[in-house]
ModelCIF file with pLDDT and N, C-alpha, C, O atoms, coordinates in Angstrom:
data_MODEL
#
_entry.id   MODEL 
#
_entity.id                         1 
_entity.type                       polymer 
_entity.pdbx_number_of_molecules   1 
#
_entity_poly.entity_id                      1 
_entity_poly.type                           'polypeptide(L)' 
_entity_poly.nstd_linkage                   no 
_entity_poly.nstd_monomer                   no 
_entity_poly.pdbx_seq_one_letter_code       
;(UNK)(UNK)(UNK)(UNK)(UNK)(UNK)(UNK)(UNK)(UNK)(UNK)(UNK)(UNK)(UNK)(UNK)(UNK)(UNK)
(UNK)(UNK)(UNK)(UNK)(UNK)(UNK)(UNK)(UNK)(UNK)(UNK)(UNK)(UNK)(UNK)(UNK)(UNK)(UNK)
(UNK)(UNK)(UNK)(UNK)
;
_entity_poly.pdbx_seq_one_letter_code_can   XXXXXXXXXXXXXXXXXXXXXXXXXXXXXXXXXXXX 
_entity_poly.pdbx_strand_id                 A 
#
loop_
_entity_poly_seq.entity_id 
_entity_poly_seq.num 
_entity_poly_seq.mon_id 
_entity_poly_seq.hetero 
1 1  UNK n 
1 2  UNK n 
1 3  UNK n 
1 4  UNK n 
1 5  UNK n 
1 6  UNK n 
1 7  UNK n 
1 8  UNK n 
1 9  UNK n 
1 10 UNK n 
1 11 UNK n 
1 12 UNK n 
1 13 UNK n 
1 14 UNK n 
1 15 UNK n 
1 16 UNK n 
1 17 UNK n 
1 18 UNK n 
1 19 UNK n 
1 20 UNK n 
1 21 UNK n 
1 22 UNK n 
1 23 UNK n 
1 24 UNK n 
1 25 UNK n 
1 26 UNK n 
1 27 UNK n 
1 28 UNK n 
1 29 UNK n 
1 30 UNK n 
1 31 UNK n 
1 32 UNK n 
1 33 UNK n 
1 34 UNK n 
1 35 UNK n 
1 36 UNK n 
#
_struct_asym.id          A 
_struct_asym.entity_id   1 
#
loop_
_ma_qa_metric.id 
_ma_qa_metric.mode 
_ma_qa_metric.name 
_ma_qa_metric.software_group_id 
_ma_qa_metric.type 
1 global pLDDT . pLDDT 
2 local  pLDDT . pLDDT 
#
_ma_qa_metric_global.metric_id      1 
_ma_qa_metric_global.metric_value   88.75 
_ma_qa_metric_global.model_id       1 
_ma_qa_metric_global.ordinal_id     1 
#
loop_
_ma_qa_metric_local.label_asym_id 
_ma_qa_metric_local.label_comp_id 
_ma_qa_metric_local.label_seq_id 
_ma_qa_metric_local.metric_id 
_ma_qa_metric_local.metric_value 
_ma_qa_metric_local.model_id 
_ma_qa_metric_local.ordinal_id 
A UNK 1  2 75.00 1 1  
A UNK 2  2 79.00 1 2  
A UNK 3  2 73.00 1 3  
A UNK 4  2 83.00 1 4  
A UNK 5  2 87.00 1 5  
A UNK 6  2 87.00 1 6  
A UNK 7  2 87.00 1 7  
A UNK 8  2 83.00 1 8  
A UNK 9  2 80.00 1 9  
A UNK 10 2 71.00 1 10 
A UNK 11 2 69.00 1 11 
A UNK 12 2 70.00 1 12 
A UNK 13 2 87.00 1 13 
A UNK 14 2 91.00 1 14 
A UNK 15 2 92.00 1 15 
A UNK 16 2 92.00 1 16 
A UNK 17 2 96.00 1 17 
A UNK 18 2 96.00 1 18 
A UNK 19 2 96.00 1 19 
A UNK 20 2 95.00 1 20 
A UNK 21 2 96.00 1 21 
A UNK 22 2 97.00 1 22 
A UNK 23 2 97.00 1 23 
A UNK 24 2 96.00 1 24 
A UNK 25 2 96.00 1 25 
A UNK 26 2 93.00 1 26 
A UNK 27 2 94.00 1 27 
A UNK 28 2 93.00 1 28 
A UNK 29 2 94.00 1 29 
A UNK 30 2 92.00 1 30 
A UNK 31 2 90.00 1 31 
A UNK 32 2 91.00 1 32 
A UNK 33 2 94.00 1 33 
A UNK 34 2 93.00 1 34 
A UNK 35 2 95.00 1 35 
A UNK 36 2 95.00 1 36 
#
loop_
_atom_site.group_PDB 
_atom_site.id 
_atom_site.type_symbol 
_atom_site.label_atom_id 
_atom_site.label_alt_id 
_atom_site.label_comp_id 
_atom_site.label_asym_id 
_atom_site.label_entity_id 
_atom_site.label_seq_id 
_atom_site.pdbx_PDB_ins_code 
_atom_site.Cartn_x 
_atom_site.Cartn_y 
_atom_site.Cartn_z 
_atom_site.occupancy 
_atom_site.B_iso_or_equiv 
_atom_site.pdbx_formal_charge 
_atom_site.auth_seq_id 
_atom_site.auth_comp_id 
_atom_site.auth_asym_id 
_atom_site.auth_atom_id 
_atom_site.pdbx_PDB_model_num 
ATOM 1   N N  . UNK A 1 1  ? -18.599 -13.067 -16.141 1.00 75.00 ? 1  UNK A N  1 
ATOM 2   C CA . UNK A 1 1  ? -18.348 -12.149 -15.959 1.00 75.00 ? 1  UNK A CA 1 
ATOM 3   C C  . UNK A 1 1  ? -18.077 -11.811 -14.663 1.00 75.00 ? 1  UNK A C  1 
ATOM 4   O O  . UNK A 1 1  ? -18.735 -12.375 -13.788 1.00 75.00 ? 1  UNK A O  1 
ATOM 5   N N  . UNK A 1 2  ? -16.874 -10.648 -14.218 1.00 79.00 ? 2  UNK A N  1 
ATOM 6   C CA . UNK A 1 2  ? -16.599 -9.459  -15.125 1.00 79.00 ? 2  UNK A CA 1 
ATOM 7   C C  . UNK A 1 2  ? -15.715 -9.930  -16.084 1.00 79.00 ? 2  UNK A C  1 
ATOM 8   O O  . UNK A 1 2  ? -15.215 -10.817 -15.392 1.00 79.00 ? 2  UNK A O  1 
ATOM 9   N N  . UNK A 1 3  ? -15.204 -10.007 -17.030 1.00 73.00 ? 3  UNK A N  1 
ATOM 10  C CA . UNK A 1 3  ? -14.276 -10.139 -18.150 1.00 73.00 ? 3  UNK A CA 1 
ATOM 11  C C  . UNK A 1 3  ? -12.757 -9.870  -17.544 1.00 73.00 ? 3  UNK A C  1 
ATOM 12  O O  . UNK A 1 3  ? -11.773 -10.597 -17.680 1.00 73.00 ? 3  UNK A O  1 
ATOM 13  N N  . UNK A 1 4  ? -12.874 -8.413  -16.726 1.00 83.00 ? 4  UNK A N  1 
ATOM 14  C CA . UNK A 1 4  ? -11.007 -8.274  -16.385 1.00 83.00 ? 4  UNK A CA 1 
ATOM 15  C C  . UNK A 1 4  ? -11.064 -8.459  -15.309 1.00 83.00 ? 4  UNK A C  1 
ATOM 16  O O  . UNK A 1 4  ? -10.437 -7.560  -14.750 1.00 83.00 ? 4  UNK A O  1 
ATOM 17  N N  . UNK A 1 5  ? -11.640 -9.422  -14.317 1.00 87.00 ? 5  UNK A N  1 
ATOM 18  C CA . UNK A 1 5  ? -11.445 -9.616  -13.035 1.00 87.00 ? 5  UNK A CA 1 
ATOM 19  C C  . UNK A 1 5  ? -10.545 -9.381  -12.274 1.00 87.00 ? 5  UNK A C  1 
ATOM 20  O O  . UNK A 1 5  ? -10.637 -8.644  -11.293 1.00 87.00 ? 5  UNK A O  1 
ATOM 21  N N  . UNK A 1 6  ? -9.042  -10.295 -12.819 1.00 87.00 ? 6  UNK A N  1 
ATOM 22  C CA . UNK A 1 6  ? -8.012  -10.197 -12.557 1.00 87.00 ? 6  UNK A CA 1 
ATOM 23  C C  . UNK A 1 6  ? -6.897  -8.740  -13.027 1.00 87.00 ? 6  UNK A C  1 
ATOM 24  O O  . UNK A 1 6  ? -5.667  -8.725  -12.963 1.00 87.00 ? 6  UNK A O  1 
ATOM 25  N N  . UNK A 1 7  ? -7.656  -7.817  -13.408 1.00 87.00 ? 7  UNK A N  1 
ATOM 26  C CA . UNK A 1 7  ? -7.009  -6.721  -13.945 1.00 87.00 ? 7  UNK A CA 1 
ATOM 27  C C  . UNK A 1 7  ? -6.317  -6.105  -12.999 1.00 87.00 ? 7  UNK A C  1 
ATOM 28  O O  . UNK A 1 7  ? -7.070  -5.719  -12.105 1.00 87.00 ? 7  UNK A O  1 
ATOM 29  N N  . UNK A 1 8  ? -4.927  -5.784  -12.768 1.00 83.00 ? 8  UNK A N  1 
ATOM 30  C CA . UNK A 1 8  ? -4.502  -5.059  -12.051 1.00 83.00 ? 8  UNK A CA 1 
ATOM 31  C C  . UNK A 1 8  ? -4.454  -5.688  -10.731 1.00 83.00 ? 8  UNK A C  1 
ATOM 32  O O  . UNK A 1 8  ? -4.467  -4.900  -9.786  1.00 83.00 ? 8  UNK A O  1 
ATOM 33  N N  . UNK A 1 9  ? -4.391  -7.163  -10.410 1.00 80.00 ? 9  UNK A N  1 
ATOM 34  C CA . UNK A 1 9  ? -4.607  -7.708  -9.606  1.00 80.00 ? 9  UNK A CA 1 
ATOM 35  C C  . UNK A 1 9  ? -3.233  -7.321  -8.454  1.00 80.00 ? 9  UNK A C  1 
ATOM 36  O O  . UNK A 1 9  ? -2.045  -7.105  -8.697  1.00 80.00 ? 9  UNK A O  1 
ATOM 37  N N  . UNK A 1 10 ? -3.803  -7.342  -7.468  1.00 71.00 ? 10 UNK A N  1 
ATOM 38  C CA . UNK A 1 10 ? -2.786  -7.009  -5.754  1.00 71.00 ? 10 UNK A CA 1 
ATOM 39  C C  . UNK A 1 10 ? -1.550  -8.036  -5.818  1.00 71.00 ? 10 UNK A C  1 
ATOM 40  O O  . UNK A 1 10 ? -1.204  -8.573  -4.765  1.00 71.00 ? 10 UNK A O  1 
ATOM 41  N N  . UNK A 1 11 ? -0.835  -8.345  -7.077  1.00 69.00 ? 11 UNK A N  1 
ATOM 42  C CA . UNK A 1 11 ? -0.201  -9.551  -6.751  1.00 69.00 ? 11 UNK A CA 1 
ATOM 43  C C  . UNK A 1 11 ? 1.274   -9.278  -6.661  1.00 69.00 ? 11 UNK A C  1 
ATOM 44  O O  . UNK A 1 11 ? 2.054   -10.133 -6.240  1.00 69.00 ? 11 UNK A O  1 
ATOM 45  N N  . UNK A 1 12 ? 1.799   -7.635  -7.206  1.00 70.00 ? 12 UNK A N  1 
ATOM 46  C CA . UNK A 1 12 ? 2.940   -7.876  -7.356  1.00 70.00 ? 12 UNK A CA 1 
ATOM 47  C C  . UNK A 1 12 ? 3.533   -6.528  -6.703  1.00 70.00 ? 12 UNK A C  1 
ATOM 48  O O  . UNK A 1 12 ? 3.051   -5.396  -6.741  1.00 70.00 ? 12 UNK A O  1 
ATOM 49  N N  . UNK A 1 13 ? 4.550   -6.915  -6.179  1.00 87.00 ? 13 UNK A N  1 
ATOM 50  C CA . UNK A 1 13 ? 5.439   -5.630  -5.443  1.00 87.00 ? 13 UNK A CA 1 
ATOM 51  C C  . UNK A 1 13 ? 6.407   -5.297  -6.621  1.00 87.00 ? 13 UNK A C  1 
ATOM 52  O O  . UNK A 1 13 ? 7.542   -5.088  -6.191  1.00 87.00 ? 13 UNK A O  1 
ATOM 53  N N  . UNK A 1 14 ? 6.326   -5.208  -7.677  1.00 91.00 ? 14 UNK A N  1 
ATOM 54  C CA . UNK A 1 14 ? 7.311   -4.918  -8.280  1.00 91.00 ? 14 UNK A CA 1 
ATOM 55  C C  . UNK A 1 14 ? 8.061   -4.075  -7.947  1.00 91.00 ? 14 UNK A C  1 
ATOM 56  O O  . UNK A 1 14 ? 9.166   -4.399  -7.512  1.00 91.00 ? 14 UNK A O  1 
ATOM 57  N N  . UNK A 1 15 ? 7.605   -2.453  -8.072  1.00 92.00 ? 15 UNK A N  1 
ATOM 58  C CA . UNK A 1 15 ? 8.541   -1.321  -7.423  1.00 92.00 ? 15 UNK A CA 1 
ATOM 59  C C  . UNK A 1 15 ? 9.212   -1.737  -5.842  1.00 92.00 ? 15 UNK A C  1 
ATOM 60  O O  . UNK A 1 15 ? 10.289  -1.230  -5.530  1.00 92.00 ? 15 UNK A O  1 
ATOM 61  N N  . UNK A 1 16 ? 8.725   -2.389  -5.181  1.00 92.00 ? 16 UNK A N  1 
ATOM 62  C CA . UNK A 1 16 ? 9.833   -2.760  -4.017  1.00 92.00 ? 16 UNK A CA 1 
ATOM 63  C C  . UNK A 1 16 ? 11.531  -3.427  -4.406  1.00 92.00 ? 16 UNK A C  1 
ATOM 64  O O  . UNK A 1 16 ? 12.639  -3.185  -3.928  1.00 92.00 ? 16 UNK A O  1 
ATOM 65  N N  . UNK A 1 17 ? 10.934  -4.572  -5.758  1.00 96.00 ? 17 UNK A N  1 
ATOM 66  C CA . UNK A 1 17 ? 12.185  -5.399  -5.980  1.00 96.00 ? 17 UNK A CA 1 
ATOM 67  C C  . UNK A 1 17 ? 13.174  -4.372  -6.803  1.00 96.00 ? 17 UNK A C  1 
ATOM 68  O O  . UNK A 1 17 ? 14.337  -4.773  -6.859  1.00 96.00 ? 17 UNK A O  1 
ATOM 69  N N  . UNK A 1 18 ? 12.895  -3.053  -7.481  1.00 96.00 ? 18 UNK A N  1 
ATOM 70  C CA . UNK A 1 18 ? 13.233  -2.105  -7.618  1.00 96.00 ? 18 UNK A CA 1 
ATOM 71  C C  . UNK A 1 18 ? 14.297  -1.491  -6.715  1.00 96.00 ? 18 UNK A C  1 
ATOM 72  O O  . UNK A 1 18 ? 15.501  -1.593  -6.953  1.00 96.00 ? 18 UNK A O  1 
ATOM 73  N N  . UNK A 1 19 ? 13.784  -0.842  -5.658  1.00 96.00 ? 19 UNK A N  1 
ATOM 74  C CA . UNK A 1 19 ? 13.754  -0.287  -5.094  1.00 96.00 ? 19 UNK A CA 1 
ATOM 75  C C  . UNK A 1 19 ? 14.320  -0.741  -3.890  1.00 96.00 ? 19 UNK A C  1 
ATOM 76  O O  . UNK A 1 19 ? 14.923  0.211   -3.395  1.00 96.00 ? 19 UNK A O  1 
ATOM 77  N N  . UNK A 1 20 ? 14.417  -1.780  -3.156  1.00 95.00 ? 20 UNK A N  1 
ATOM 78  C CA . UNK A 1 20 ? 14.974  -2.644  -2.293  1.00 95.00 ? 20 UNK A CA 1 
ATOM 79  C C  . UNK A 1 20 ? 16.058  -3.764  -2.601  1.00 95.00 ? 20 UNK A C  1 
ATOM 80  O O  . UNK A 1 20 ? 16.939  -4.300  -1.928  1.00 95.00 ? 20 UNK A O  1 
ATOM 81  N N  . UNK A 1 21 ? 15.631  -3.881  -3.858  1.00 96.00 ? 21 UNK A N  1 
ATOM 82  C CA . UNK A 1 21 ? 16.403  -5.126  -4.302  1.00 96.00 ? 21 UNK A CA 1 
ATOM 83  C C  . UNK A 1 21 ? 17.566  -4.669  -5.534  1.00 96.00 ? 21 UNK A C  1 
ATOM 84  O O  . UNK A 1 21 ? 18.783  -4.485  -5.486  1.00 96.00 ? 21 UNK A O  1 
ATOM 85  N N  . UNK A 1 22 ? 16.728  -4.601  -6.449  1.00 97.00 ? 22 UNK A N  1 
ATOM 86  C CA . UNK A 1 22 ? 18.012  -3.553  -7.762  1.00 97.00 ? 22 UNK A CA 1 
ATOM 87  C C  . UNK A 1 22 ? 18.484  -2.391  -7.444  1.00 97.00 ? 22 UNK A C  1 
ATOM 88  O O  . UNK A 1 22 ? 18.843  -1.886  -8.508  1.00 97.00 ? 22 UNK A O  1 
ATOM 89  N N  . UNK A 1 23 ? 18.672  -1.738  -6.665  1.00 97.00 ? 23 UNK A N  1 
ATOM 90  C CA . UNK A 1 23 ? 18.968  -0.597  -6.634  1.00 97.00 ? 23 UNK A CA 1 
ATOM 91  C C  . UNK A 1 23 ? 19.918  -1.187  -5.108  1.00 97.00 ? 23 UNK A C  1 
ATOM 92  O O  . UNK A 1 23 ? 21.125  -1.091  -4.888  1.00 97.00 ? 23 UNK A O  1 
ATOM 93  N N  . UNK A 1 24 ? 19.108  -1.637  -4.472  1.00 96.00 ? 24 UNK A N  1 
ATOM 94  C CA . UNK A 1 24 ? 19.448  -1.710  -3.253  1.00 96.00 ? 24 UNK A CA 1 
ATOM 95  C C  . UNK A 1 24 ? 19.267  -0.890  -2.039  1.00 96.00 ? 24 UNK A C  1 
ATOM 96  O O  . UNK A 1 24 ? 20.220  -1.073  -1.282  1.00 96.00 ? 24 UNK A O  1 
ATOM 97  N N  . UNK A 1 25 ? 18.423  -0.074  -1.577  1.00 96.00 ? 25 UNK A N  1 
ATOM 98  C CA . UNK A 1 25 ? 18.217  0.064   -0.254  1.00 96.00 ? 25 UNK A CA 1 
ATOM 99  C C  . UNK A 1 25 ? 17.784  -0.462  0.900   1.00 96.00 ? 25 UNK A C  1 
ATOM 100 O O  . UNK A 1 25 ? 16.591  -0.355  1.188   1.00 96.00 ? 25 UNK A O  1 
ATOM 101 N N  . UNK A 1 26 ? 18.718  -1.145  1.789   1.00 93.00 ? 26 UNK A N  1 
ATOM 102 C CA . UNK A 1 26 ? 17.850  -2.195  2.709   1.00 93.00 ? 26 UNK A CA 1 
ATOM 103 C C  . UNK A 1 26 ? 17.906  -1.500  3.870   1.00 93.00 ? 26 UNK A C  1 
ATOM 104 O O  . UNK A 1 26 ? 18.977  -0.963  4.153   1.00 93.00 ? 26 UNK A O  1 
ATOM 105 N N  . UNK A 1 27 ? 16.833  -1.380  4.721   1.00 94.00 ? 27 UNK A N  1 
ATOM 106 C CA . UNK A 1 27 ? 16.115  -0.544  5.518   1.00 94.00 ? 27 UNK A CA 1 
ATOM 107 C C  . UNK A 1 27 ? 16.348  -1.397  6.977   1.00 94.00 ? 27 UNK A C  1 
ATOM 108 O O  . UNK A 1 27 ? 15.895  -2.507  7.257   1.00 94.00 ? 27 UNK A O  1 
ATOM 109 N N  . UNK A 1 28 ? 17.185  -0.530  7.791   1.00 93.00 ? 28 UNK A N  1 
ATOM 110 C CA . UNK A 1 28 ? 17.561  -0.591  9.162   1.00 93.00 ? 28 UNK A CA 1 
ATOM 111 C C  . UNK A 1 28 ? 16.855  0.184   10.164  1.00 93.00 ? 28 UNK A C  1 
ATOM 112 O O  . UNK A 1 28 ? 16.100  1.108   9.864   1.00 93.00 ? 28 UNK A O  1 
ATOM 113 N N  . UNK A 1 29 ? 17.198  -0.340  11.858  1.00 94.00 ? 29 UNK A N  1 
ATOM 114 C CA . UNK A 1 29 ? 16.099  -0.208  12.674  1.00 94.00 ? 29 UNK A CA 1 
ATOM 115 C C  . UNK A 1 29 ? 17.356  1.185   13.205  1.00 94.00 ? 29 UNK A C  1 
ATOM 116 O O  . UNK A 1 29 ? 16.993  2.207   13.788  1.00 94.00 ? 29 UNK A O  1 
ATOM 117 N N  . UNK A 1 30 ? 18.520  0.937   12.903  1.00 92.00 ? 30 UNK A N  1 
ATOM 118 C CA . UNK A 1 30 ? 19.377  2.531   12.593  1.00 92.00 ? 30 UNK A CA 1 
ATOM 119 C C  . UNK A 1 30 ? 19.724  3.582   12.176  1.00 92.00 ? 30 UNK A C  1 
ATOM 120 O O  . UNK A 1 30 ? 18.694  4.245   12.052  1.00 92.00 ? 30 UNK A O  1 
ATOM 121 N N  . UNK A 1 31 ? 20.580  4.166   11.871  1.00 90.00 ? 31 UNK A N  1 
ATOM 122 C CA . UNK A 1 31 ? 20.581  5.713   11.883  1.00 90.00 ? 31 UNK A CA 1 
ATOM 123 C C  . UNK A 1 31 ? 21.760  5.095   10.396  1.00 90.00 ? 31 UNK A C  1 
ATOM 124 O O  . UNK A 1 31 ? 22.450  5.705   9.579   1.00 90.00 ? 31 UNK A O  1 
ATOM 125 N N  . UNK A 1 32 ? 21.590  4.177   10.554  1.00 91.00 ? 32 UNK A N  1 
ATOM 126 C CA . UNK A 1 32 ? 23.393  3.626   9.248   1.00 91.00 ? 32 UNK A CA 1 
ATOM 127 C C  . UNK A 1 32 ? 22.452  2.944   8.264   1.00 91.00 ? 32 UNK A C  1 
ATOM 128 O O  . UNK A 1 32 ? 21.789  1.933   8.497   1.00 91.00 ? 32 UNK A O  1 
ATOM 129 N N  . UNK A 1 33 ? 22.489  3.662   7.096   1.00 94.00 ? 33 UNK A N  1 
ATOM 130 C CA . UNK A 1 33 ? 22.037  3.546   5.511   1.00 94.00 ? 33 UNK A CA 1 
ATOM 131 C C  . UNK A 1 33 ? 22.856  2.964   4.757   1.00 94.00 ? 33 UNK A C  1 
ATOM 132 O O  . UNK A 1 33 ? 23.877  3.539   4.381   1.00 94.00 ? 33 UNK A O  1 
ATOM 133 N N  . UNK A 1 34 ? 22.469  1.362   4.300   1.00 93.00 ? 34 UNK A N  1 
ATOM 134 C CA . UNK A 1 34 ? 23.215  0.765   3.297   1.00 93.00 ? 34 UNK A CA 1 
ATOM 135 C C  . UNK A 1 34 ? 22.400  0.655   2.473   1.00 93.00 ? 34 UNK A C  1 
ATOM 136 O O  . UNK A 1 34 ? 21.189  0.463   2.587   1.00 93.00 ? 34 UNK A O  1 
ATOM 137 N N  . UNK A 1 35 ? 23.352  0.833   1.141   1.00 95.00 ? 35 UNK A N  1 
ATOM 138 C CA . UNK A 1 35 ? 22.821  0.815   -0.238  1.00 95.00 ? 35 UNK A CA 1 
ATOM 139 C C  . UNK A 1 35 ? 23.782  -0.671  -0.894  1.00 95.00 ? 35 UNK A C  1 
ATOM 140 O O  . UNK A 1 35 ? 24.982  -0.882  -0.714  1.00 95.00 ? 35 UNK A O  1 
ATOM 141 N N  . UNK A 1 36 ? 23.112  -1.259  -1.423  1.00 95.00 ? 36 UNK A N  1 
ATOM 142 C CA . UNK A 1 36 ? 23.378  -2.913  -2.077  1.00 95.00 ? 36 UNK A CA 1 
ATOM 143 C C  . UNK A 1 36 ? 23.170  -3.335  -3.020  1.00 95.00 ? 36 UNK A C  1 
ATOM 144 O O  . UNK A 1 36 ? 23.446  -4.514  -3.244  1.00 95.00 ? 36 UNK A O  1 
#
C-alpha cells in the first residue's frame, strides 16, 4: 500500500509540450512574440 501511489505522478509537463512545442509560443525577454 498504497496501491495508487503513482497516480497523477508529478512527472508530466504535457500542457507545456502543447503550448510551447506543438503550437509554438516561444517566450522571450523582449517585447517581440514569436509563434513557431
